[in-house]
Amino acid sequence: MAVSFKGFRDLMPKRTMAEKVLGQALKYLGKDTDKNAKYVLKAVDHIASGEKQEMVREWFHHWMREDGPGRQFLHRVVQNTHPRVRERYVARMVAGMFFRDPDAPGRAEQKFGIQPPPVMLISPTMRCNYRCEGCYAGSYERKDDMDPEVFDRVLTEAEEMGINFITILGGEPFVYPHLFEVLEKHPKSFYQIYTNASLIDEKTAERMVELGNIAPQISINGPREYTDAVRGKGSFDNCVAAMDRLYEAGCAFGFSSLVTSKNMDAICSDEWVDFLIEKGALYGWYFLFMPVGNEPEMDLMPTPEQRDQMRRFQSYVREEKPLLLVDFWNDGVLSGGCIAGGRLYFHINHRGDVEPCIFCHFATDNIHDKSLVEALNSPFFQGIRAEQPFCYNTLRPCPMIDHPQRMWRIIKKHGAEPTHEGAETMFTELAPEMNEYARGVREVMNRAWENEGYKNWAARWMYHCGLPPENIERRRREFEENQTSQEELQESVDPAKKPKQA
C-alpha cells in the first residue's frame, strides 16, 4: 500500500508528525527488504530537521546500507512484530529518541521553567515473585505499592510536559495488579517494562500486542549458569519461554543484562548475541554492576579494562549484527554525558521519592508533596544539571563511579536524603576503592578518546545535546589541563623521556 508523507509537516507538531510518518512507513512494510529500507529511509529523510538530526539521518543511511545490519534489522522488525506494535511502539521509540522537535525544549522551558527530559522511570511496586541472592525486593509487601491514582496522576503530569517514553521497573512490575488498568488510560505514551519474564504467559503477551505500545525488557544475565546463579534455578528457562511467547504474539521485546566481572566474557560474545537474535530480541541494554546498597560485592564490578571490552564489543555489534545494543555508560558519547537529574531522565520510586538516577538513591522531593514540574525544578536537580557534563571525555560520563566525589558534594550541598538503606556507602566507606576505579577508567578511556576518533565526532556531537555551551567549554579546559598535567607527570617519572645529560 502506497502512503504519501506530503502535508504531514505542516499539519501537526513535529514529534507527532515524526511518529505519524514513521508509523505509517513501518505499519505497511512488506516482504521485500530492499524496498522496505528505501521506504523507511525516505521517511527519515522527510522528518530530519536541523544539524543534529541530519547527523542522525546520515547514521541511519550508513546503518541501512546495502550490506549493513540495518536492513536485516528492519526485516526482523517486520517478521517479529505486529503492525500495531510497529506503529505504536517502534515508531514512537525512533521518533522520541532521534527525531524530537528541536523547538519543543524552548517552548517547554517558557511554560514549565525546565526543558523536560524525554524519559521517565517509575517503580509502582518493589515487590517481586523471585528471591534473588542479595536483592532487597523480598522485604516489601503489597501495602508498600504506589496507589494507582498516584501512578495515573504522575503519568498525566508527565504527558502534559511532553514526556511520553515511560520505563517501568520494580521489583517485578507484573506483580502490580493495576499495571494494565493504568497504562490503558495513557495510550499516547509508550512503555518499556523491565521484567524477570516469569509472569508473561500467552494472555499477557497478547494483551501487550493489543495495546501496541508496550515492550518488555527481559532481565537475563547470560547463559543458563549465569542467570540461574543469581535468580534461581529455572529462571533462564522462564526467560526463554517468555521470549517464545512474545515472538509468537508479535510483541516487540528487548533484554537487559547486569554486567559483572564474572559474566563479561559470556555476554560479550557472538554466541550469546546470536542466541538473543534467534529468540527474537530487537535490542538490549547492558548495565554495569553498581556497588549500591549495604555491603556490595566490589569484586563483581567490572574492571576498567573490562568496561573497555564492553565498549569495543558494543561497537562491533552495531556494525555487524541486526540488533541494537545500548551500553548505559559507554553510550555517554551519544547522550552528551550524564543523563540524570531530569536532563534526559529521572526515577520515581514506589514511595514517590523523585531520584535523579536509578542508581542514585537520594531525593529532596516527593510526588505526594510536589508536582512533577516542581520536583524537576528542585535545587537538587538543578544543581546536578548545572554540573553536566561531568567530563569533556563522555566515555567517562558518570558522577557516581567516574567522578564519585562530585555527586557526593552535590548530594550534601542540597541536603538530599537517602531513599534506600546503604545509599551513601559507595561515597563513604567505599570511597578509596571508587577513587581507584575512577583513576583506572580515566587512563583507559582517555586513551580511547584520544586514539579512536571520539575527540573529533563525540566532542562535536556534544554541542547538539542540549548542554550549555559554557559548561562544555569549562569541561574542555579542565580536560586539556589535566591531560597536560598527566603528560608532564609521566615525563618526570619515565627515564626514557628525560633529556640526556650533556
Protein backbone atom coordinates (compact mmCIF):
# COMPACT_ATOMS: atom_id res chain seq x y z
CA MET A 1 0.00 0.00 0.00
CA ALA A 2 1.49 3.37 -1.02
CA VAL A 3 1.46 6.02 1.69
CA SER A 4 2.18 9.68 0.98
CA PHE A 5 4.02 11.79 3.55
CA LYS A 6 3.04 15.05 1.87
CA GLY A 7 1.39 17.56 4.16
CA PHE A 8 2.32 15.93 7.46
CA ARG A 9 4.95 18.53 8.30
CA ASP A 10 2.53 21.46 8.05
CA LEU A 11 -0.41 19.91 9.85
CA MET A 12 0.97 18.76 13.21
CA PRO A 13 3.67 19.34 15.83
CA LYS A 14 6.99 17.86 14.75
CA ARG A 15 7.15 14.97 17.20
CA THR A 16 3.62 13.91 16.33
CA MET A 17 4.49 14.32 12.67
CA ALA A 18 7.59 12.15 13.06
CA GLU A 19 5.57 9.47 14.87
CA LYS A 20 2.89 9.51 12.19
CA VAL A 21 5.30 9.38 9.27
CA LEU A 22 7.38 6.59 10.77
CA GLY A 23 4.26 4.80 11.99
CA GLN A 24 2.77 4.74 8.51
CA ALA A 25 6.08 3.65 6.99
CA LEU A 26 6.58 0.79 9.46
CA LYS A 27 2.96 -0.32 9.55
CA TYR A 28 2.76 -1.09 5.84
CA LEU A 29 6.15 -2.68 5.21
CA GLY A 30 6.15 -5.79 3.03
CA LYS A 31 8.49 -8.73 2.48
CA ASP A 32 11.00 -7.02 0.17
CA THR A 33 13.92 -5.99 2.41
CA ASP A 34 15.43 -3.52 -0.06
CA LYS A 35 12.12 -1.79 -0.74
CA ASN A 36 11.44 -1.60 3.00
CA ALA A 37 14.81 0.06 3.61
CA LYS A 38 14.25 2.63 0.87
CA TYR A 39 10.78 3.36 2.22
CA VAL A 40 11.96 3.89 5.80
CA LEU A 41 14.93 6.00 4.69
CA LYS A 42 12.55 8.15 2.68
CA ALA A 43 10.52 8.69 5.85
CA VAL A 44 13.67 9.55 7.83
CA ASP A 45 14.77 11.99 5.14
CA HIS A 46 11.35 13.62 5.33
CA ILE A 47 11.32 14.23 9.08
CA ALA A 48 15.00 15.04 9.80
CA SER A 49 15.34 18.70 10.79
CA GLY A 50 18.41 20.64 11.87
CA GLU A 51 22.10 19.77 12.10
CA LYS A 52 21.74 17.18 14.88
CA GLN A 53 19.02 15.24 13.11
CA GLU A 54 20.99 15.49 9.88
CA MET A 55 23.84 13.65 11.66
CA VAL A 56 21.32 11.04 12.81
CA ARG A 57 19.96 10.76 9.27
CA GLU A 58 23.48 10.12 7.95
CA TRP A 59 23.96 7.36 10.51
CA PHE A 60 20.65 5.73 9.52
CA HIS A 61 21.76 5.70 5.89
CA HIS A 62 25.09 4.13 6.88
CA TRP A 63 23.41 1.55 9.09
CA MET A 64 20.90 0.64 6.38
CA ARG A 65 23.48 0.50 3.62
CA GLU A 66 23.09 -2.37 1.20
CA ASP A 67 25.42 -4.69 3.13
CA GLY A 68 24.72 -3.21 6.57
CA PRO A 69 22.96 -4.73 9.59
CA GLY A 70 20.13 -2.18 9.48
CA ARG A 71 18.41 -3.85 6.54
CA GLN A 72 18.37 -7.20 8.28
CA PHE A 73 17.20 -5.49 11.48
CA LEU A 74 14.31 -3.94 9.58
CA HIS A 75 13.46 -7.35 8.16
CA ARG A 76 13.39 -8.72 11.72
CA VAL A 77 11.09 -5.89 12.85
CA VAL A 78 8.63 -6.80 10.08
CA GLN A 79 8.95 -10.52 10.77
CA ASN A 80 8.78 -10.33 14.56
CA THR A 81 6.18 -7.66 15.34
CA HIS A 82 2.51 -6.98 14.74
CA PRO A 83 1.78 -3.88 12.57
CA ARG A 84 0.08 -2.26 15.58
CA VAL A 85 3.28 -2.65 17.60
CA ARG A 86 5.38 -1.16 14.81
CA GLU A 87 3.07 1.84 14.61
CA ARG A 88 2.56 2.48 18.34
CA TYR A 89 5.86 1.39 19.88
CA VAL A 90 8.69 1.16 17.33
CA ALA A 91 7.79 4.37 15.50
CA ARG A 92 7.34 6.28 18.76
CA MET A 93 10.63 4.97 20.09
CA VAL A 94 12.55 6.07 16.99
CA ALA A 95 10.80 9.45 16.83
CA GLY A 96 11.16 10.10 20.55
CA MET A 97 14.83 9.18 20.77
CA PHE A 98 16.14 10.52 17.45
CA PHE A 99 13.68 12.98 15.90
CA ARG A 100 12.25 15.08 18.71
CA ASP A 101 11.01 18.53 17.76
CA PRO A 102 14.13 20.72 18.14
CA ASP A 103 11.95 23.70 19.10
CA ALA A 104 9.98 21.83 21.78
CA PRO A 105 12.54 22.24 24.61
CA GLY A 106 12.46 26.02 24.27
CA ARG A 107 8.66 26.12 24.30
CA ALA A 108 8.53 23.84 27.31
CA GLU A 109 11.07 25.93 29.20
CA GLN A 110 8.93 29.02 28.70
CA LYS A 111 5.89 27.16 30.07
CA PHE A 112 7.39 24.97 32.81
CA GLY A 113 10.73 26.58 33.62
CA ILE A 114 12.55 23.43 32.50
CA GLN A 115 13.33 21.52 29.35
CA PRO A 116 11.55 18.25 30.20
CA PRO A 117 13.51 15.02 29.73
CA PRO A 118 12.26 12.57 27.11
CA VAL A 119 12.19 9.64 29.55
CA MET A 120 10.67 8.98 32.98
CA LEU A 121 11.44 5.89 35.05
CA ILE A 122 8.89 4.81 37.63
CA SER A 123 8.64 1.84 40.01
CA PRO A 124 5.00 1.39 41.11
CA THR A 125 5.97 -1.63 43.20
CA MET A 126 9.11 -3.05 44.78
CA ARG A 127 7.57 -6.49 45.32
CA CYS A 128 8.90 -9.46 43.38
CA ASN A 129 7.97 -13.11 43.00
CA TYR A 130 11.68 -14.04 42.93
CA ARG A 131 14.06 -14.13 45.88
CA CYS A 132 17.36 -13.40 44.20
CA GLU A 133 20.55 -13.58 46.21
CA GLY A 134 21.46 -10.18 47.64
CA CYS A 135 18.24 -8.48 46.49
CA TYR A 136 16.07 -6.45 48.85
CA ALA A 137 12.75 -6.87 46.97
CA GLY A 138 11.68 -9.76 49.19
CA SER A 139 11.21 -7.39 52.13
CA TYR A 140 8.33 -5.44 50.53
CA GLU A 141 4.59 -6.09 50.81
CA ARG A 142 1.54 -5.10 48.77
CA LYS A 143 0.78 -2.25 51.15
CA ASP A 144 4.07 -0.68 50.03
CA ASP A 145 2.86 -0.36 46.41
CA MET A 146 2.17 3.02 44.83
CA ASP A 147 -1.54 3.85 44.78
CA PRO A 148 -2.91 3.50 41.23
CA GLU A 149 -4.40 7.02 41.48
CA VAL A 150 -0.92 8.42 42.13
CA PHE A 151 0.57 6.35 39.31
CA ASP A 152 -2.12 7.66 36.95
CA ARG A 153 -1.62 11.27 38.09
CA VAL A 154 2.14 11.13 37.55
CA LEU A 155 1.72 9.75 34.02
CA THR A 156 -0.77 12.53 33.28
CA GLU A 157 1.61 15.21 34.54
CA ALA A 158 4.46 13.69 32.53
CA GLU A 159 2.40 13.68 29.34
CA GLU A 160 1.35 17.29 29.90
CA MET A 161 5.05 18.19 29.93
CA GLY A 162 5.72 16.25 26.74
CA ILE A 163 7.27 13.17 28.39
CA ASN A 164 5.83 10.09 26.69
CA PHE A 165 8.61 7.47 26.93
CA ILE A 166 7.97 5.68 30.23
CA THR A 167 10.19 2.97 31.68
CA ILE A 168 8.57 0.82 34.36
CA LEU A 169 10.69 -1.03 36.88
CA GLY A 170 10.40 -2.73 40.24
CA GLY A 171 10.54 -5.15 41.95
CA GLU A 172 8.71 -7.11 39.32
CA PRO A 173 6.23 -4.79 37.53
CA PHE A 174 3.88 -7.60 36.51
CA VAL A 175 3.02 -8.34 40.15
CA TYR A 176 1.48 -4.85 40.36
CA PRO A 177 -2.26 -5.56 39.99
CA HIS A 178 -3.14 -2.18 38.46
CA LEU A 179 -0.47 -2.12 35.76
CA PHE A 180 -2.58 -2.52 32.62
CA GLU A 181 -5.50 -0.66 34.17
CA VAL A 182 -3.35 2.47 34.47
CA LEU A 183 -1.41 2.13 31.22
CA GLU A 184 -4.60 1.76 29.19
CA LYS A 185 -5.56 5.29 30.26
CA HIS A 186 -2.46 6.66 28.55
CA PRO A 187 -2.40 5.26 25.00
CA LYS A 188 -0.30 8.10 23.56
CA SER A 189 2.75 7.16 25.61
CA PHE A 190 4.93 4.10 25.08
CA TYR A 191 6.40 1.83 27.71
CA GLN A 192 9.41 -0.33 28.45
CA ILE A 193 8.78 -2.80 31.26
CA TYR A 194 11.82 -4.39 32.90
CA THR A 195 10.82 -7.87 33.99
CA ASN A 196 12.13 -11.26 35.07
CA ALA A 197 9.61 -12.62 32.50
CA SER A 198 8.23 -15.34 34.76
CA LEU A 199 4.70 -13.87 34.65
CA ILE A 200 4.49 -13.36 30.88
CA ASP A 201 2.02 -16.00 29.77
CA GLU A 202 0.23 -16.10 26.40
CA LYS A 203 -2.60 -13.90 27.63
CA THR A 204 -0.21 -11.21 28.88
CA ALA A 205 1.75 -11.26 25.62
CA GLU A 206 -1.43 -10.91 23.59
CA ARG A 207 -2.66 -8.06 25.76
CA MET A 208 0.54 -6.11 25.18
CA VAL A 209 0.16 -6.58 21.42
CA GLU A 210 -3.45 -5.45 21.66
CA LEU A 211 -2.31 -2.21 23.29
CA GLY A 212 0.61 -1.99 20.90
CA ASN A 213 2.69 0.48 22.91
CA ILE A 214 4.46 -1.84 25.39
CA ALA A 215 7.76 -3.69 25.01
CA PRO A 216 9.06 -5.84 27.86
CA GLN A 217 12.78 -5.85 28.58
CA ILE A 218 13.69 -9.30 29.84
CA SER A 219 16.31 -9.38 32.58
CA ILE A 220 18.75 -12.12 31.67
CA ASN A 221 22.35 -12.18 32.84
CA GLY A 222 23.81 -14.50 30.22
CA PRO A 223 23.60 -18.25 29.56
CA ARG A 224 21.79 -20.55 31.99
CA GLU A 225 24.61 -20.93 34.53
CA TYR A 226 24.94 -17.15 34.99
CA THR A 227 21.24 -16.28 35.08
CA ASP A 228 20.24 -19.17 37.36
CA ALA A 229 23.16 -18.48 39.71
CA VAL A 230 21.69 -15.06 40.54
CA ARG A 231 17.94 -15.52 40.03
CA GLY A 232 17.44 -19.15 40.96
CA LYS A 233 17.16 -22.43 39.12
CA GLY A 234 14.71 -22.29 36.22
CA SER A 235 14.88 -18.51 35.77
CA PHE A 236 16.80 -18.81 32.49
CA ASP A 237 14.18 -21.20 31.09
CA ASN A 238 11.43 -18.78 32.17
CA CYS A 239 13.12 -16.02 30.17
CA VAL A 240 13.45 -18.15 27.06
CA ALA A 241 9.84 -19.38 27.28
CA ALA A 242 8.62 -15.78 27.57
CA MET A 243 10.67 -14.78 24.53
CA ASP A 244 8.98 -17.54 22.54
CA ARG A 245 5.51 -16.37 23.64
CA LEU A 246 6.28 -12.75 22.79
CA TYR A 247 7.65 -13.71 19.38
CA GLU A 248 4.56 -15.78 18.57
CA ALA A 249 2.27 -12.92 19.64
CA GLY A 250 4.17 -10.31 17.59
CA CYS A 251 5.24 -8.25 20.59
CA ALA A 252 8.46 -6.24 20.38
CA PHE A 253 10.85 -7.05 23.19
CA GLY A 254 14.40 -6.49 24.29
CA PHE A 255 16.68 -7.70 27.04
CA SER A 256 18.52 -6.23 29.99
CA SER A 257 21.77 -7.68 31.31
CA LEU A 258 23.61 -6.89 34.51
CA VAL A 259 27.28 -6.99 33.54
CA THR A 260 29.73 -8.18 36.17
CA SER A 261 33.37 -9.18 36.24
CA LYS A 262 32.16 -12.81 36.19
CA ASN A 263 29.83 -12.86 33.18
CA MET A 264 31.61 -10.31 30.98
CA ASP A 265 33.16 -12.80 28.55
CA ALA A 266 29.95 -14.80 28.26
CA ILE A 267 27.68 -11.90 27.30
CA CYS A 268 30.27 -10.10 25.18
CA SER A 269 30.35 -12.96 22.70
CA ASP A 270 28.96 -13.74 19.26
CA GLU A 271 27.34 -16.89 20.61
CA TRP A 272 25.29 -15.00 23.18
CA VAL A 273 24.17 -12.17 20.92
CA ASP A 274 23.32 -14.58 18.11
CA PHE A 275 21.21 -16.60 20.55
CA LEU A 276 19.22 -13.49 21.54
CA ILE A 277 18.72 -12.54 17.90
CA GLU A 278 17.48 -16.05 17.17
CA LYS A 279 14.97 -15.78 20.05
CA GLY A 280 13.58 -12.52 18.62
CA ALA A 281 15.09 -9.74 20.76
CA LEU A 282 15.31 -6.48 18.80
CA TYR A 283 17.53 -4.57 21.19
CA GLY A 284 19.15 -4.80 24.59
CA TRP A 285 20.69 -2.87 27.45
CA TYR A 286 23.96 -3.59 29.23
CA PHE A 287 24.22 -2.22 32.78
CA LEU A 288 27.43 -2.33 34.80
CA PHE A 289 27.21 -3.77 38.28
CA MET A 290 26.96 -0.77 40.62
CA PRO A 291 28.12 -1.06 44.26
CA VAL A 292 24.95 0.41 45.80
CA GLY A 293 23.23 -0.72 48.98
CA ASN A 294 24.59 -2.50 52.02
CA GLU A 295 27.84 -4.46 51.74
CA PRO A 296 28.04 -4.61 47.93
CA GLU A 297 30.47 -7.14 46.48
CA MET A 298 33.12 -4.93 44.91
CA ASP A 299 34.74 -7.85 43.14
CA LEU A 300 31.62 -8.09 40.92
CA MET A 301 32.30 -4.65 39.47
CA PRO A 302 33.88 -4.93 36.01
CA THR A 303 37.43 -3.61 35.86
CA PRO A 304 38.24 -0.55 33.73
CA GLU A 305 39.72 -2.91 31.14
CA GLN A 306 36.53 -4.98 31.09
CA ARG A 307 34.47 -1.83 30.67
CA ASP A 308 36.60 -1.05 27.62
CA GLN A 309 35.96 -4.60 26.43
CA MET A 310 32.22 -3.79 26.57
CA ARG A 311 32.78 -0.62 24.56
CA ARG A 312 34.62 -2.44 21.81
CA PHE A 313 32.10 -5.29 21.72
CA GLN A 314 29.16 -2.90 21.53
CA SER A 315 30.75 -1.09 18.57
CA TYR A 316 31.28 -4.43 16.85
CA VAL A 317 27.64 -5.48 17.38
CA ARG A 318 26.31 -2.23 15.94
CA GLU A 319 28.41 -2.63 12.82
CA GLU A 320 27.82 -6.34 12.29
CA LYS A 321 24.61 -7.59 13.96
CA PRO A 322 20.91 -6.88 13.30
CA LEU A 323 20.36 -5.94 16.94
CA LEU A 324 20.64 -2.57 18.70
CA LEU A 325 22.83 -2.86 21.79
CA VAL A 326 22.83 0.02 24.26
CA ASP A 327 25.53 0.43 26.91
CA PHE A 328 24.39 2.69 29.74
CA TRP A 329 27.94 4.00 30.37
CA ASN A 330 29.86 3.72 27.11
CA ASP A 331 26.98 5.39 25.29
CA GLY A 332 27.73 8.57 27.20
CA VAL A 333 29.27 9.70 23.92
CA LEU A 334 25.78 9.61 22.35
CA SER A 335 23.91 11.24 25.23
CA GLY A 336 26.42 14.02 25.83
CA GLY A 337 27.46 12.55 29.17
CA CYS A 338 25.39 12.03 32.32
CA ILE A 339 21.63 11.98 31.69
CA ALA A 340 20.49 12.17 35.35
CA GLY A 341 18.73 14.88 37.33
CA GLY A 342 15.98 15.38 34.77
CA ARG A 343 18.33 16.27 31.94
CA LEU A 344 17.30 13.22 29.92
CA TYR A 345 15.74 11.05 32.62
CA PHE A 346 14.89 10.59 36.32
CA HIS A 347 13.30 7.96 38.55
CA ILE A 348 10.28 7.89 40.88
CA ASN A 349 10.26 5.05 43.39
CA HIS A 350 7.24 3.29 44.87
CA ARG A 351 7.07 5.79 47.76
CA GLY A 352 7.02 8.73 45.37
CA ASP A 353 10.59 9.87 46.02
CA VAL A 354 11.95 11.65 42.94
CA GLU A 355 15.50 10.39 42.42
CA PRO A 356 17.99 11.79 39.88
CA CYS A 357 19.04 8.34 38.63
CA ILE A 358 18.00 4.73 39.04
CA PHE A 359 21.35 4.12 40.75
CA CYS A 360 21.40 7.27 42.91
CA HIS A 361 19.04 6.62 45.80
CA PHE A 362 18.76 10.17 47.15
CA ALA A 363 15.92 12.69 46.98
CA THR A 364 14.76 16.05 48.25
CA ASP A 365 11.22 15.87 46.88
CA ASN A 366 8.25 13.51 46.75
CA ILE A 367 5.33 13.49 44.33
CA HIS A 368 2.91 13.29 47.26
CA ASP A 369 4.02 16.80 48.25
CA LYS A 370 5.09 18.35 44.94
CA SER A 371 4.01 18.36 41.34
CA LEU A 372 6.30 16.73 38.80
CA VAL A 373 7.26 20.15 37.45
CA GLU A 374 8.24 21.33 40.94
CA ALA A 375 10.30 18.20 41.59
CA LEU A 376 12.18 18.53 38.30
CA ASN A 377 12.85 22.19 39.10
CA SER A 378 14.20 21.40 42.58
CA PRO A 379 17.54 22.96 43.61
CA PHE A 380 18.93 19.40 43.88
CA PHE A 381 18.13 18.54 40.28
CA GLN A 382 19.18 21.99 39.10
CA GLY A 383 22.48 21.50 40.92
CA ILE A 384 23.11 18.26 39.03
CA ARG A 385 22.23 19.78 35.67
CA ALA A 386 24.48 22.78 36.37
CA GLU A 387 27.47 20.43 36.56
CA GLN A 388 26.72 18.45 33.38
CA PRO A 389 28.67 17.21 31.55
CA PHE A 390 30.88 15.96 34.35
CA CYS A 391 33.74 15.40 31.93
CA TYR A 392 34.63 16.51 28.41
CA ASN A 393 35.52 12.89 27.66
CA THR A 394 32.00 11.50 27.61
CA LEU A 395 33.33 7.95 27.76
CA ARG A 396 33.63 8.87 31.46
CA PRO A 397 30.12 10.28 31.97
CA CYS A 398 29.08 9.06 35.41
CA PRO A 399 29.28 11.26 38.54
CA MET A 400 28.85 8.19 40.73
CA ILE A 401 31.63 5.88 39.54
CA ASP A 402 33.76 8.02 37.19
CA HIS A 403 33.71 11.21 39.30
CA PRO A 404 32.22 9.92 42.59
CA GLN A 405 33.06 12.84 44.86
CA ARG A 406 31.38 15.33 42.53
CA MET A 407 27.99 13.70 43.02
CA TRP A 408 28.58 13.34 46.75
CA ARG A 409 29.28 17.08 47.03
CA ILE A 410 26.00 17.88 45.23
CA ILE A 411 24.08 15.48 47.47
CA LYS A 412 25.49 17.05 50.63
CA LYS A 413 25.10 20.64 49.38
CA HIS A 414 21.36 20.20 48.80
CA GLY A 415 20.64 18.03 51.82
CA ALA A 416 19.32 15.12 49.75
CA GLU A 417 18.23 12.23 51.94
CA PRO A 418 18.90 8.55 51.17
CA THR A 419 15.84 6.72 49.87
CA HIS A 420 17.27 3.28 50.50
CA GLU A 421 19.46 1.83 53.18
CA GLY A 422 23.13 1.94 52.26
CA ALA A 423 22.72 4.56 49.53
CA GLU A 424 25.72 6.54 50.79
CA THR A 425 28.07 3.55 51.11
CA MET A 426 29.82 3.97 47.76
CA PHE A 427 30.60 7.62 48.60
CA THR A 428 31.81 6.97 52.14
CA GLU A 429 33.02 3.51 53.12
CA LEU A 430 33.92 2.58 49.55
CA ALA A 431 35.44 5.97 48.64
CA PRO A 432 39.04 4.66 48.37
CA GLU A 433 38.00 1.79 46.10
CA MET A 434 35.78 4.05 43.97
CA ASN A 435 38.52 6.65 43.56
CA GLU A 436 40.96 3.95 42.49
CA TYR A 437 38.41 2.61 40.00
CA ALA A 438 37.85 6.12 38.60
CA ARG A 439 41.61 6.57 38.10
CA GLY A 440 41.74 3.31 36.16
CA VAL A 441 38.78 4.32 33.98
CA ARG A 442 40.41 7.69 33.31
CA GLU A 443 43.56 6.04 31.99
CA VAL A 444 41.75 3.51 29.79
CA MET A 445 39.02 5.78 28.44
CA ASN A 446 41.25 8.82 27.87
CA ARG A 447 43.41 6.61 25.67
CA ALA A 448 40.32 5.53 23.68
CA TRP A 449 39.11 9.14 23.43
CA GLU A 450 42.42 10.33 22.01
CA ASN A 451 43.24 7.42 19.73
CA GLU A 452 39.92 6.22 18.32
CA GLY A 453 38.34 9.38 16.94
CA TYR A 454 35.98 10.20 19.81
CA LYS A 455 37.65 13.56 20.44
CA ASN A 456 36.51 14.60 16.98
CA TRP A 457 32.96 13.36 16.39
CA ALA A 458 31.83 12.91 20.04
CA ALA A 459 33.09 16.35 21.03
CA ARG A 460 31.24 17.91 18.08
CA TRP A 461 28.09 15.91 18.86
CA MET A 462 28.10 17.13 22.47
CA TYR A 463 27.20 20.63 21.32
CA HIS A 464 23.93 19.27 19.89
CA CYS A 465 22.84 17.54 23.11
CA GLY A 466 21.14 20.47 24.83
CA LEU A 467 24.04 21.20 27.18
CA PRO A 468 25.01 24.81 27.99
CA PRO A 469 27.97 25.64 25.71
CA GLU A 470 29.75 27.31 28.61
CA ASN A 471 29.62 24.04 30.58
CA ILE A 472 31.16 22.14 27.69
CA GLU A 473 33.91 24.71 27.33
CA ARG A 474 34.63 24.60 31.06
CA ARG A 475 34.99 20.81 30.95
CA ARG A 476 37.11 21.02 27.80
CA ARG A 477 39.60 23.33 29.52
CA GLU A 478 39.68 21.10 32.61
CA PHE A 479 40.24 18.02 30.49
CA GLU A 480 43.04 19.54 28.44
CA GLU A 481 44.76 20.92 31.55
CA ASN A 482 44.56 17.52 33.24
CA GLN A 483 45.89 15.82 30.13
CA THR A 484 48.86 18.20 30.09
CA SER A 485 49.47 17.61 33.80
CA GLN A 486 49.38 13.83 33.30
CA GLU A 487 51.82 14.04 30.41
CA GLU A 488 54.20 16.18 32.44
CA LEU A 489 53.93 13.77 35.36
CA GLN A 490 54.67 10.82 33.08
CA GLU A 491 57.71 12.56 31.63
CA SER A 492 59.01 13.28 35.13
CA VAL A 493 58.96 9.59 36.11
CA ASP A 494 59.85 7.95 32.79
CA PRO A 495 63.63 7.89 32.33
CA ALA A 496 63.23 7.24 28.62
CA LYS A 497 61.58 10.65 28.21
CA LYS A 498 64.12 12.61 30.25
CA PRO A 499 66.54 14.78 28.23
CA LYS A 500 70.02 13.30 28.00
CA GLN A 501 72.75 14.91 30.07
CA ALA A 502 75.37 16.77 28.12
